[in-house]
Every structure is written in structure tokens, then in C-alpha cells.
Protein backbone atom coordinates (compact mmCIF):
# COMPACT_ATOMS: atom_id res chain seq x y z
CA MET A 1 202.99 -121.95 -14.96
CA ALA A 2 202.44 -119.65 -11.95
CA ARG A 3 204.91 -120.00 -9.12
CA VAL A 4 203.50 -121.66 -5.98
CA THR A 5 204.12 -119.34 -3.07
CA LEU A 6 204.30 -120.05 0.64
CA GLY A 7 200.90 -118.40 0.89
CA ASP A 8 199.44 -120.90 -1.61
CA ARG A 9 200.88 -123.82 0.31
CA LEU A 10 199.60 -122.52 3.63
CA GLU A 11 196.09 -122.02 2.24
CA VAL A 12 196.06 -125.71 1.31
CA LEU A 13 197.21 -126.67 4.80
CA VAL A 14 194.60 -124.48 6.50
CA SER A 15 191.81 -126.44 4.81
CA SER A 16 193.49 -129.84 4.83
CA PRO A 17 191.23 -132.66 6.07
CA HIS A 18 194.35 -134.61 7.01
CA LEU A 19 195.51 -132.29 9.79
CA SER A 20 194.12 -131.92 13.29
CA ASN A 21 192.21 -128.79 14.18
CA ARG A 22 195.16 -127.58 16.25
CA ASP A 23 197.55 -127.99 13.31
CA ARG A 24 195.16 -126.20 10.96
CA VAL A 25 194.86 -123.33 13.42
CA PHE A 26 198.66 -123.16 13.56
CA ALA A 27 198.82 -123.13 9.76
CA ALA A 28 196.30 -120.27 9.75
CA SER A 29 198.55 -118.28 12.10
CA LEU A 30 201.49 -118.85 9.77
CA LEU A 31 199.38 -117.74 6.82
CA ALA A 32 198.31 -114.55 8.61
CA HIS A 33 201.95 -113.76 9.39
CA TYR A 34 202.96 -114.41 5.78
CA GLN A 35 200.17 -112.23 4.40
CA LYS A 36 201.22 -109.39 6.66
CA ARG A 37 204.99 -109.61 6.12
CA ARG A 38 205.12 -111.36 2.71
CA SER A 39 207.74 -113.64 4.21
CA LEU A 40 208.39 -116.11 7.02
CA THR A 41 211.30 -116.47 9.39
CA SER A 42 213.45 -119.56 8.90
CA GLY A 43 211.85 -121.23 11.93
CA ARG A 44 208.32 -120.62 10.63
CA ARG A 45 209.37 -121.66 7.14
CA GLN A 46 210.47 -125.06 8.46
CA TRP A 47 207.02 -125.62 9.93
CA VAL A 48 205.43 -125.34 6.49
CA ASP A 49 207.49 -128.33 5.34
CA ARG A 50 206.68 -130.25 8.53
CA LEU A 51 202.94 -129.68 8.23
CA GLU A 52 202.96 -130.73 4.58
CA ALA A 53 204.87 -133.90 5.47
CA MET A 54 202.39 -134.69 8.26
CA ALA A 55 199.40 -134.17 5.97
CA GLU A 56 200.93 -136.36 3.26
CA GLU A 57 201.75 -139.16 5.70
CA ILE A 58 198.24 -139.14 7.11
CA LYS A 59 196.70 -139.01 3.65
CA ASN A 60 198.51 -142.19 2.67
CA ARG A 61 197.92 -144.08 5.91
CA ASP A 62 195.93 -147.31 5.90
CA PRO A 63 192.55 -146.50 7.52
CA SER A 64 192.51 -149.87 9.27
CA GLU A 65 195.27 -148.55 11.53
CA TYR A 66 192.84 -146.26 13.31
CA ASP A 67 189.36 -147.62 12.54
CA ALA A 68 189.36 -149.62 15.78
CA LEU A 69 190.25 -146.56 17.87
CA VAL A 70 187.58 -144.41 16.22
CA ALA A 71 185.00 -147.15 16.77
CA ASP A 72 186.04 -147.45 20.43
CA ILE A 73 185.74 -143.70 20.98
CA GLU A 74 182.35 -143.54 19.27
CA ASP A 75 181.12 -146.45 21.38
CA VAL A 76 182.00 -144.58 24.58
CA MET A 77 180.36 -141.42 23.19
CA THR A 78 176.99 -143.20 23.19
CA ARG A 79 177.18 -143.52 26.99
CA VAL A 80 178.31 -140.08 28.15
CA GLU A 81 176.14 -137.03 28.76
CA SER A 82 175.79 -135.34 25.38
CA ASN A 83 176.23 -131.80 26.71
CA GLY A 84 179.12 -132.45 29.09
CA TRP A 85 182.89 -131.92 28.94
CA SER A 86 183.55 -135.61 28.31
CA ALA A 87 181.41 -135.58 25.17
CA ASP A 88 183.33 -132.60 23.79
CA PHE A 89 186.67 -134.24 24.59
CA LEU A 90 185.67 -137.51 22.92
CA ALA A 91 184.43 -135.71 19.81
CA SER A 92 187.74 -133.88 19.61
CA ILE A 93 189.96 -136.97 19.87
CA ARG A 94 187.66 -138.89 17.52
CA ASP A 95 188.09 -136.22 14.86
CA GLN A 96 191.80 -136.18 15.57
CA ALA A 97 192.01 -139.96 15.22
CA LYS A 98 190.21 -139.81 11.89
CA ARG A 99 192.79 -137.35 10.62
CA VAL A 100 195.98 -138.49 12.25
CA GLY A 101 195.32 -142.12 12.96
CA ALA A 102 195.74 -143.72 16.34
CA ARG A 103 198.25 -141.15 17.52
CA LEU A 104 196.71 -139.83 20.68
CA SER A 105 199.15 -138.23 23.05
CA PRO A 106 199.89 -140.14 26.27
CA ARG A 107 197.78 -137.62 28.21
CA GLN A 108 194.88 -137.90 25.75
CA GLN A 109 195.04 -141.69 26.00
CA GLU A 110 195.04 -141.49 29.80
CA ILE A 111 191.96 -139.23 29.86
CA PHE A 112 190.18 -141.42 27.31
CA GLU A 113 190.77 -144.55 29.39
CA LYS A 114 189.46 -142.77 32.49
CA ILE A 115 186.28 -141.64 30.71
CA LYS A 116 185.86 -145.14 29.28
CA SER A 117 186.15 -146.76 32.72
CA GLU A 118 183.58 -144.34 34.12
CA ASN A 119 181.11 -144.96 31.30
CA THR A 120 180.78 -148.71 30.99
CA PRO A 121 177.46 -150.18 29.76
CA GLU A 122 176.64 -150.98 33.40
CA MET A 123 177.19 -147.35 34.41
CA ALA A 124 175.02 -146.16 31.51
CA GLN A 125 172.19 -148.38 32.69
CA ARG A 126 172.57 -147.05 36.22
CA ARG A 127 172.35 -143.46 34.96
CA GLU A 128 169.05 -144.29 33.32
CA ARG A 129 167.76 -145.37 36.75
CA TRP A 130 169.54 -142.60 38.65
CA THR A 131 166.55 -140.32 39.34
CA GLU A 132 164.62 -143.14 40.95
CA GLU A 133 167.68 -144.40 42.82
CA TYR A 134 168.59 -140.94 44.11
CA ARG A 135 165.14 -140.19 45.48
CA ALA A 136 164.81 -143.61 47.08
CA GLU A 137 168.34 -144.12 48.45
CA HIS A 138 170.41 -140.92 48.48
CA LYS A 139 168.16 -137.90 48.99
CA ALA A 140 168.40 -137.88 52.78
CA THR A 141 172.18 -138.26 52.63
CA ALA A 142 172.36 -135.47 50.05
CA HIS A 143 170.63 -133.04 52.43
CA ILE A 144 173.00 -133.90 55.28
CA LEU A 145 176.03 -133.30 53.06
CA ALA A 146 174.58 -130.21 51.37
CA SER A 147 174.20 -128.51 54.76
CA TYR A 148 177.87 -129.19 55.50
CA TYR A 149 179.08 -127.99 52.10
CA LEU A 150 177.10 -124.76 52.31
CA ASN A 151 179.13 -123.94 55.40
CA SER A 152 182.48 -125.24 54.10
CA GLY A 153 182.30 -123.42 50.75
CA TYR A 154 182.59 -126.40 48.40
CA TRP A 155 180.01 -127.74 45.91
CA LEU A 156 177.97 -124.61 46.60
CA ASP A 157 175.73 -124.57 43.51
CA MET A 158 174.75 -128.22 43.85
CA ALA A 159 174.35 -127.93 47.62
CA ARG A 160 172.01 -124.93 47.26
CA SER A 161 169.94 -126.75 44.66
CA ILE A 162 169.62 -129.81 46.91
CA ILE A 163 168.44 -127.68 49.84
CA ASP A 164 166.23 -125.21 47.94
CA ASP A 165 164.60 -127.40 45.28
CA ASP A 166 162.89 -130.55 46.50
CA ASN A 167 162.59 -131.85 42.92
CA TYR A 168 166.28 -131.35 42.08
CA VAL A 169 168.29 -134.45 41.18
CA PRO A 170 172.07 -133.85 41.05
CA PRO A 171 174.10 -135.46 38.24
CA MET A 172 175.15 -138.94 39.33
CA ASP A 173 178.88 -138.41 38.68
CA LYS A 174 178.98 -135.11 40.60
CA PHE A 175 176.99 -136.51 43.49
CA GLN A 176 179.38 -139.44 43.76
CA LYS A 177 182.33 -137.06 43.98
CA MET A 178 180.55 -134.91 46.54
CA SER A 179 179.65 -137.88 48.73
CA ASP A 180 182.68 -140.13 48.22
CA ASN A 181 185.51 -138.28 49.96
CA LYS A 182 187.05 -138.18 53.42
CA TYR A 183 185.14 -135.06 54.51
CA ALA A 184 181.76 -136.50 53.54
CA ALA A 185 182.70 -139.72 55.33
CA LYS A 186 183.37 -137.80 58.56
CA VAL A 187 180.10 -135.87 58.32
CA LEU A 188 178.05 -139.00 57.72
CA ALA A 189 179.84 -140.93 60.46
CA ALA A 190 179.06 -138.16 62.94
CA TRP A 191 175.45 -137.94 61.78
CA ARG A 192 174.91 -141.69 62.17
CA ALA A 193 176.75 -142.06 65.46
CA ASP A 194 174.74 -142.47 68.64
CA PRO A 195 174.70 -139.17 70.54
CA ARG A 196 176.87 -139.05 73.61
CA TYR A 197 174.18 -136.94 75.26
CA PRO A 198 170.67 -138.10 74.26
CA VAL A 199 167.59 -135.87 74.23
CA GLY A 200 166.70 -134.84 77.77
CA THR A 201 170.28 -134.93 79.04
CA SER A 202 171.60 -131.97 81.03
CA VAL A 203 174.86 -130.59 79.58
CA ILE A 204 177.12 -127.67 80.33
CA GLU A 205 179.79 -125.94 78.27
CA ARG A 206 183.38 -127.09 78.35
CA PRO A 207 185.80 -124.37 79.46
CA GLY A 208 186.69 -122.01 76.61
CA LYS A 209 184.29 -123.64 74.10
CA THR A 210 181.09 -121.56 74.32
CA ASN A 211 179.62 -118.65 76.28
CA ARG A 212 176.03 -119.78 75.90
CA LEU A 213 175.69 -122.60 78.42
CA LYS A 214 177.44 -121.29 81.51
CA LYS A 215 174.59 -122.51 83.71
CA GLY A 216 173.90 -125.62 81.68
CA GLY A 217 170.94 -126.65 79.60
CA MET A 218 168.82 -129.54 78.36
CA VAL A 219 169.37 -131.33 75.03
CA LEU A 220 166.30 -130.91 72.82
CA SER A 221 167.61 -132.48 69.59
CA THR A 222 170.64 -134.46 68.41
CA THR A 223 169.87 -134.35 64.67
CA GLU A 224 170.87 -130.79 63.76
CA ARG A 225 172.79 -130.17 60.53
CA ILE A 226 176.53 -130.75 60.77
CA ILE A 227 178.81 -127.92 59.66
CA SER A 228 182.34 -129.18 60.37
CA THR A 229 184.39 -132.37 60.30
CA ALA A 230 186.18 -131.93 63.63
CA ALA A 231 186.06 -134.78 66.10
CA GLY A 232 182.83 -134.39 68.07
CA CYS A 233 181.11 -132.38 65.31
CA LYS A 234 177.66 -133.85 65.95
CA ARG A 235 175.37 -130.90 66.67
CA TYR A 236 172.79 -130.49 69.41
CA LEU A 237 169.94 -128.09 70.00
CA VAL A 238 170.11 -127.19 73.68
CA LEU A 239 167.80 -125.05 75.81
CA PRO A 240 169.88 -123.11 78.36
CA TYR A 241 168.54 -123.15 81.89
CA ASP A 242 168.85 -119.37 82.05
CA SER A 243 167.19 -118.60 78.71
CA THR A 244 164.09 -119.30 76.64
CA GLU A 245 166.06 -119.34 73.37
CA PRO A 246 167.62 -122.69 72.30
CA VAL A 247 171.21 -122.67 71.06
CA LEU A 248 173.14 -124.92 68.68
CA VAL A 249 176.37 -126.47 69.94
CA GLU A 250 178.71 -129.21 68.80
CA GLU A 251 179.08 -132.30 70.95
CA ARG A 252 182.77 -131.55 71.56
CA CYS A 253 181.85 -128.23 73.19
CA VAL A 254 179.75 -129.64 76.03
CA LYS A 255 179.96 -132.20 78.82
CA LEU A 256 177.55 -133.86 81.17
CA PHE A 257 176.08 -131.40 83.68
CA ARG A 258 176.00 -132.73 87.21
CA ARG A 259 174.10 -130.51 89.55
CA PRO A 260 175.92 -129.85 92.82
CA LYS A 261 174.59 -131.83 95.73
CA THR A 262 172.68 -129.85 98.30
CA SER A 263 173.45 -130.43 101.93
């Protein structure tokens, strides 16, 4: 009877249906080393025994131990976007669970629970209605935020698409992240706030803030796109009294212009 070599054993491990993909890749690296050197170091040699023991344990495990986990993962898979990162992650841990039972690592379990909480049946139903909801309820807000993000340097691809393509509908999850943070909250609060200086008001620059309204000007618009989150970031379009070209200024950079009394 032919002697079974380390190479023979590693070839079995490389194709074993009872090991995870990561373990089979590791076995393949051991096999490549063995084929090149015709031997393994003592440390690598120990891993052959460990991998064989893992495969044998998994082979003999009662499937009922992990059927519930696999079913849970596959249920969540029906509610995530099929071409997204979450779908790939779920497919990976599902295949792992089928091979190695319910032994997800703590980090894998944490990520799975997060994806599961974000993809409840209620959320899946909302995604189906998202296009209609976005156009009816969020499109105006999206344009306000997109203008800010184009200046700040974040969410650039989505912001450009929102501004440039009137038919574009951003993914619901990404839009929620873009609009549900402290910076977006400041932009929207400034946009919705009543202007301190309504249209028609005469304003003048505050010292050291701008060199474009030294002689004052009249507010033409208080609904210009917001590009910062500083206090007083609401933007105005103002026509200087000494120019025919309007300028854009933030509310914090101007004050009420009181003409000097004439004697």
C-alpha cells in the first residue's frame, strides 16, 4: 500500500467541503510550500494535524446545531441589496456556517446582528417604496445637503449625482447616513431658520469678514446654498451699493446697515 504523504493529506484538505474558504486557502498555501520544498517546518506540520481535526469534527457535527443560524442568515439575505457588500458578507458567513456550524467569530456575529437590524421586513418594504418617498419627501433636502457636501469634500459622488441628474435616486441607506449626522443637522437648521436680515434689508460687512460690502448693500435672496456649518452660515445674495454685481455672503459676515443721519 502506497505511503500517504503530507502532500496527499493537504490535497484532501484543499478540497474539503468541511473547511471554511479561509482554511482551504491556508491549506493550499501549505501544499504549495510542501511541493516546492518537499517538506514542512515543524510549525507548518502541526497545522496539517489541526486542519484535519477541524474537518473531522465538522464532518461529524449534528446539522441541527447550525441549521437555525443558516436559516436566519438566508432570511436576512432576502432583504438586502443583492449586489452590495452586505450580501457578499452574508453569503460568506452562510457558507462558513454550513461548513463549521454556528461558530461565527464575535466580530462576525456583531456585523451580522447589525445587518439584520438594518434589514427588517419593515425596512425591506420601505425600500420598495423608496423612490416614491424620496421624490415626494426628501429630494429638496437632498439638494440642500448635496450643495454643502460638494464644498466640504464628503459624499462627493452621490452629491454630484443629486445635483447633476434630476432623475437620480440615491440608495436609501446611504442617503440616511448622509442626512442623519451632526453636520447635516446644522446645515438644515440654518436653511430653515428665519433670516436675520430679510430680503430688502440693507446690510454692511462686519470688520475683517469681507471686502465686498464696504459701502453696504441690499439683500436680494436668503435662500442661497449653504457651504459651511459655522454659526451664522445661512447665505445671502447681496447687491453692493457701489457695484452692479451681486455677491454671496454668510449671515455671520454682515450686520444691519444704518445710514448716517444727515444734518
